[in-house]
Protein backbone atom coordinates (compact mmCIF):
# COMPACT_ATOMS: atom_id res chain seq x y z
CA MET A 1 0.00 0.00 0.00
CA THR A 2 1.36 3.40 -0.88
CA GLY A 3 1.67 6.42 1.35
CA PHE A 4 -1.08 8.03 -0.69
CA HIS A 5 -3.50 5.20 0.13
CA LEU A 6 -2.54 5.31 3.81
CA ALA A 7 -3.17 9.06 3.87
CA ILE A 8 -6.63 8.53 2.39
CA LEU A 9 -7.45 5.85 4.96
CA THR A 10 -6.19 8.10 7.75
CA ASN A 11 -8.37 10.94 6.53
CA MET A 12 -11.34 8.58 6.44
CA GLY A 13 -10.89 7.92 10.15
CA LEU A 14 -9.74 4.36 9.66
CA ARG A 15 -6.79 4.84 11.97
CA ALA A 16 -9.18 5.67 14.82
CA ALA A 17 -11.52 2.84 13.87
CA VAL A 18 -8.84 0.16 13.80
CA SER A 19 -7.64 1.09 17.26
CA HIS A 20 -10.98 -0.19 18.60
CA VAL A 21 -10.66 -3.64 17.01
CA PRO A 22 -8.85 -6.34 19.00
CA ILE A 23 -5.47 -7.26 17.51
CA ALA A 24 -6.47 -10.94 17.39
CA GLN A 25 -9.19 -10.07 14.88
CA TRP A 26 -6.67 -8.19 12.74
CA LEU A 27 -4.30 -11.15 12.79
CA ALA A 28 -7.09 -13.52 11.77
CA ALA A 29 -8.07 -11.23 8.89
CA ILE A 30 -4.47 -10.81 7.74
CA GLN A 31 -3.92 -14.56 7.84
CA GLU A 32 -7.11 -15.26 5.90
CA VAL A 33 -6.32 -12.76 3.17
CA ALA A 34 -2.61 -13.57 2.94
CA LEU A 35 -3.13 -17.32 2.70
CA GLN A 36 -5.40 -16.80 -0.32
CA ASN A 37 -2.50 -15.26 -2.25
CA PRO A 38 -1.68 -17.70 -5.07
CA LYS A 39 1.89 -16.37 -5.26
CA LEU A 40 2.80 -17.83 -1.85
CA ASP A 41 4.88 -20.96 -2.09
CA ASP A 42 4.66 -23.63 0.62
CA ALA A 43 7.73 -22.41 2.51
CA LEU A 44 6.53 -18.83 2.65
CA ARG A 45 3.03 -19.95 3.62
CA ASP A 46 4.48 -22.02 6.49
CA ARG A 47 6.55 -19.06 7.69
CA LEU A 48 3.46 -16.85 7.62
CA VAL A 49 1.40 -19.35 9.61
CA ARG A 50 4.18 -19.67 12.22
CA ALA A 51 4.57 -15.89 12.48
CA ILE A 52 0.83 -15.40 12.96
CA ALA A 53 0.83 -18.11 15.65
CA GLU A 54 3.68 -16.37 17.46
CA LEU A 55 1.89 -13.02 17.26
CA ASN A 56 -1.28 -14.64 18.59
CA ALA A 57 0.72 -15.96 21.56
CA VAL A 58 1.96 -12.43 22.25
CA VAL A 59 -1.60 -11.12 22.03
CA GLU A 60 -2.84 -13.74 24.50
CA CYS A 61 -0.04 -12.85 26.90
CA LEU A 62 -0.80 -9.13 26.69
CA GLU A 63 -4.53 -9.65 27.06
CA SER A 64 -4.04 -11.78 30.19
CA ARG A 65 -2.36 -8.89 32.00
């Protein structure tokens, strides 16, 4: 995404809106969209799944505090 697109989203209030959505929901959405990318090979897909799992573990730890 370009800086131009990010500026438009910021002006639309998306930055404020996303701050109210739990990070776990963002991770689930990112994983769902990213795994549909036909350009991902198996190795990259595995790395993405592991990274999302690690980020989910961090989220769980932060939410338990």
